[in-house]
Amino acid sequence: MPSLLVIDDEPNVLYSMEKGFQSDALTVLTAQTGAGAGLEMIEQQRPDAVILDVRLSDMSGLDVFDRIRPD
């Protein structure tokens, strides 16, 4: 089943995205930090797509993007 990871430090945004995208055909994963939970979930779960907030509490979303982007 395809999976989507949403990384955002706002709980209301995570909740809205999870409820909006959740379906029988898609698994929605969420993380509130880039460095900790976000990067760990990307390595462990290997989501098919990521929605990433640019401003996170622990690091820039652009830094997370640079780390997960394939070369």
N, C-alpha and C. Protein backbone atom coordinates (compact mmCIF):
# COMPACT_ATOMS: atom_id res chain seq x y z
N MET A 1 0.85 -1.17 0.00
CA MET A 1 0.00 0.00 0.00
C MET A 1 0.90 1.24 0.00
N PRO A 2 0.59 2.24 -0.82
CA PRO A 2 1.37 3.47 -0.83
C PRO A 2 1.27 4.19 0.51
N SER A 3 2.34 4.94 0.84
CA SER A 3 2.33 5.68 2.10
C SER A 3 2.78 7.13 1.87
N LEU A 4 2.25 8.00 2.70
CA LEU A 4 2.55 9.43 2.67
C LEU A 4 3.02 9.82 4.06
N LEU A 5 4.13 10.54 4.14
CA LEU A 5 4.63 11.06 5.41
C LEU A 5 4.45 12.57 5.41
N VAL A 6 3.78 13.07 6.45
CA VAL A 6 3.59 14.51 6.63
C VAL A 6 4.45 14.93 7.82
N ILE A 7 5.36 15.89 7.59
CA ILE A 7 6.22 16.40 8.66
C ILE A 7 5.87 17.86 8.88
N ASP A 8 5.34 18.16 10.06
CA ASP A 8 4.96 19.53 10.42
C ASP A 8 4.96 19.63 11.93
N ASP A 9 5.38 20.77 12.46
CA ASP A 9 5.43 20.93 13.91
C ASP A 9 4.12 21.45 14.51
N GLU A 10 3.11 21.67 13.69
CA GLU A 10 1.80 22.11 14.16
C GLU A 10 0.85 20.91 14.26
N PRO A 11 0.44 20.55 15.47
CA PRO A 11 -0.44 19.38 15.63
C PRO A 11 -1.74 19.47 14.83
N ASN A 12 -2.31 20.67 14.72
CA ASN A 12 -3.56 20.82 13.97
C ASN A 12 -3.37 20.55 12.48
N VAL A 13 -2.22 20.93 11.94
CA VAL A 13 -1.93 20.66 10.54
C VAL A 13 -1.77 19.16 10.33
N LEU A 14 -1.04 18.50 11.21
CA LEU A 14 -0.86 17.05 11.10
C LEU A 14 -2.20 16.33 11.16
N TYR A 15 -3.04 16.74 12.09
CA TYR A 15 -4.35 16.11 12.24
C TYR A 15 -5.19 16.30 10.97
N SER A 16 -5.21 17.52 10.45
CA SER A 16 -6.00 17.81 9.25
C SER A 16 -5.50 17.03 8.05
N MET A 17 -4.19 16.99 7.87
CA MET A 17 -3.62 16.25 6.74
C MET A 17 -3.90 14.76 6.87
N GLU A 18 -3.74 14.23 8.07
CA GLU A 18 -3.98 12.80 8.28
C GLU A 18 -5.43 12.45 7.98
N LYS A 19 -6.36 13.23 8.50
CA LYS A 19 -7.78 12.96 8.27
C LYS A 19 -8.17 13.20 6.82
N GLY A 20 -7.57 14.18 6.19
CA GLY A 20 -7.90 14.50 4.80
C GLY A 20 -7.39 13.48 3.80
N PHE A 21 -6.22 12.92 4.05
CA PHE A 21 -5.61 11.99 3.10
C PHE A 21 -5.85 10.52 3.42
N GLN A 22 -6.19 10.19 4.66
CA GLN A 22 -6.35 8.80 5.07
C GLN A 22 -7.43 8.10 4.25
N SER A 23 -7.10 6.93 3.75
CA SER A 23 -8.07 6.12 3.01
C SER A 23 -7.64 4.66 3.06
N ASP A 24 -8.49 3.80 2.51
CA ASP A 24 -8.14 2.38 2.46
C ASP A 24 -6.99 2.13 1.50
N ALA A 25 -6.73 3.09 0.61
CA ALA A 25 -5.69 2.92 -0.41
C ALA A 25 -4.39 3.64 -0.07
N LEU A 26 -4.32 4.34 1.08
CA LEU A 26 -3.14 5.12 1.44
C LEU A 26 -2.91 5.10 2.94
N THR A 27 -1.68 4.85 3.33
CA THR A 27 -1.28 4.94 4.73
C THR A 27 -0.67 6.32 4.94
N VAL A 28 -1.16 7.05 5.95
CA VAL A 28 -0.62 8.37 6.25
C VAL A 28 0.17 8.30 7.55
N LEU A 29 1.44 8.69 7.47
CA LEU A 29 2.33 8.74 8.63
C LEU A 29 2.57 10.20 8.97
N THR A 30 2.78 10.51 10.24
CA THR A 30 3.04 11.89 10.64
C THR A 30 4.23 11.98 11.58
N ALA A 31 4.90 13.14 11.53
CA ALA A 31 6.02 13.43 12.42
C ALA A 31 6.04 14.92 12.72
N GLN A 32 6.37 15.29 13.95
CA GLN A 32 6.40 16.69 14.35
C GLN A 32 7.78 17.32 14.26
N THR A 33 8.81 16.53 14.06
CA THR A 33 10.16 17.08 13.94
C THR A 33 10.84 16.52 12.70
N GLY A 34 11.78 17.28 12.18
CA GLY A 34 12.52 16.82 11.02
C GLY A 34 13.67 15.91 11.39
N ALA A 35 14.50 16.38 12.31
CA ALA A 35 15.72 15.65 12.65
C ALA A 35 15.43 14.32 13.33
N GLY A 36 14.50 14.32 14.25
CA GLY A 36 14.23 13.09 14.98
C GLY A 36 13.28 12.18 14.24
N ALA A 37 12.02 12.38 14.48
CA ALA A 37 10.99 11.48 13.98
C ALA A 37 10.92 11.44 12.46
N GLY A 38 11.01 12.59 11.82
CA GLY A 38 10.88 12.64 10.36
C GLY A 38 11.92 11.83 9.63
N LEU A 39 13.19 12.08 9.92
CA LEU A 39 14.27 11.36 9.24
C LEU A 39 14.27 9.88 9.60
N GLU A 40 13.94 9.56 10.85
CA GLU A 40 13.87 8.16 11.26
C GLU A 40 12.75 7.43 10.51
N MET A 41 11.59 8.08 10.38
CA MET A 41 10.48 7.44 9.67
C MET A 41 10.80 7.24 8.19
N ILE A 42 11.52 8.19 7.61
CA ILE A 42 11.89 8.06 6.20
C ILE A 42 12.80 6.85 6.02
N GLU A 43 13.75 6.66 6.93
CA GLU A 43 14.66 5.53 6.83
C GLU A 43 13.96 4.20 7.10
N GLN A 44 13.07 4.18 8.09
CA GLN A 44 12.43 2.93 8.50
C GLN A 44 11.23 2.57 7.64
N GLN A 45 10.37 3.53 7.35
CA GLN A 45 9.12 3.26 6.65
C GLN A 45 9.21 3.40 5.14
N ARG A 46 10.20 4.17 4.65
CA ARG A 46 10.38 4.41 3.21
C ARG A 46 9.07 4.85 2.53
N PRO A 47 8.50 6.02 2.95
CA PRO A 47 7.24 6.47 2.35
C PRO A 47 7.39 6.77 0.87
N ASP A 48 6.29 6.69 0.16
CA ASP A 48 6.28 6.96 -1.28
C ASP A 48 6.32 8.46 -1.57
N ALA A 49 5.80 9.27 -0.65
CA ALA A 49 5.79 10.72 -0.81
C ALA A 49 5.90 11.38 0.56
N VAL A 50 6.42 12.61 0.57
CA VAL A 50 6.57 13.38 1.81
C VAL A 50 6.03 14.78 1.59
N ILE A 51 5.18 15.23 2.53
CA ILE A 51 4.78 16.63 2.59
C ILE A 51 5.55 17.22 3.75
N LEU A 52 6.31 18.27 3.47
CA LEU A 52 7.28 18.78 4.43
C LEU A 52 7.08 20.27 4.67
N ASP A 53 6.92 20.65 5.93
CA ASP A 53 6.84 22.06 6.31
C ASP A 53 8.23 22.67 6.17
N VAL A 54 8.30 23.89 5.68
CA VAL A 54 9.60 24.54 5.50
C VAL A 54 10.18 24.98 6.84
N ARG A 55 9.32 25.43 7.74
CA ARG A 55 9.78 25.89 9.05
C ARG A 55 9.39 24.88 10.12
N LEU A 56 10.36 24.16 10.59
CA LEU A 56 10.15 23.20 11.68
C LEU A 56 10.82 23.71 12.94
N SER A 57 10.42 23.19 14.08
CA SER A 57 10.96 23.67 15.34
C SER A 57 12.41 23.28 15.57
N ASP A 58 12.86 22.18 14.98
CA ASP A 58 14.20 21.69 15.27
C ASP A 58 15.20 21.92 14.14
N MET A 59 14.72 22.08 12.91
CA MET A 59 15.62 22.33 11.78
C MET A 59 14.80 22.83 10.60
N SER A 60 15.46 23.34 9.61
CA SER A 60 14.78 23.83 8.43
C SER A 60 14.24 22.65 7.62
N GLY A 61 13.03 22.82 7.09
CA GLY A 61 12.49 21.81 6.21
C GLY A 61 13.33 21.63 4.96
N LEU A 62 13.99 22.69 4.53
CA LEU A 62 14.88 22.59 3.37
C LEU A 62 16.09 21.71 3.67
N ASP A 63 16.57 21.75 4.91
CA ASP A 63 17.67 20.86 5.31
C ASP A 63 17.21 19.41 5.30
N VAL A 64 15.99 19.17 5.77
CA VAL A 64 15.44 17.82 5.73
C VAL A 64 15.34 17.37 4.28
N PHE A 65 14.83 18.23 3.42
CA PHE A 65 14.70 17.91 2.00
C PHE A 65 16.04 17.52 1.39
N ASP A 66 17.07 18.30 1.70
CA ASP A 66 18.40 18.00 1.17
C ASP A 66 18.89 16.64 1.62
N ARG A 67 18.54 16.24 2.85
CA ARG A 67 19.01 14.95 3.37
C ARG A 67 18.26 13.77 2.80
N ILE A 68 17.01 13.97 2.42
CA ILE A 68 16.21 12.84 1.92
C ILE A 68 16.18 12.75 0.40
N ARG A 69 16.55 13.82 -0.25
CA ARG A 69 16.51 13.87 -1.72
C ARG A 69 17.55 12.93 -2.29
N PRO A 70 17.13 12.10 -3.25
CA PRO A 70 18.12 11.20 -3.88
C PRO A 70 19.09 12.02 -4.71
N ASP A 71 20.32 11.59 -4.78
CA ASP A 71 21.35 12.29 -5.56
C ASP A 71 21.16 12.11 -7.03
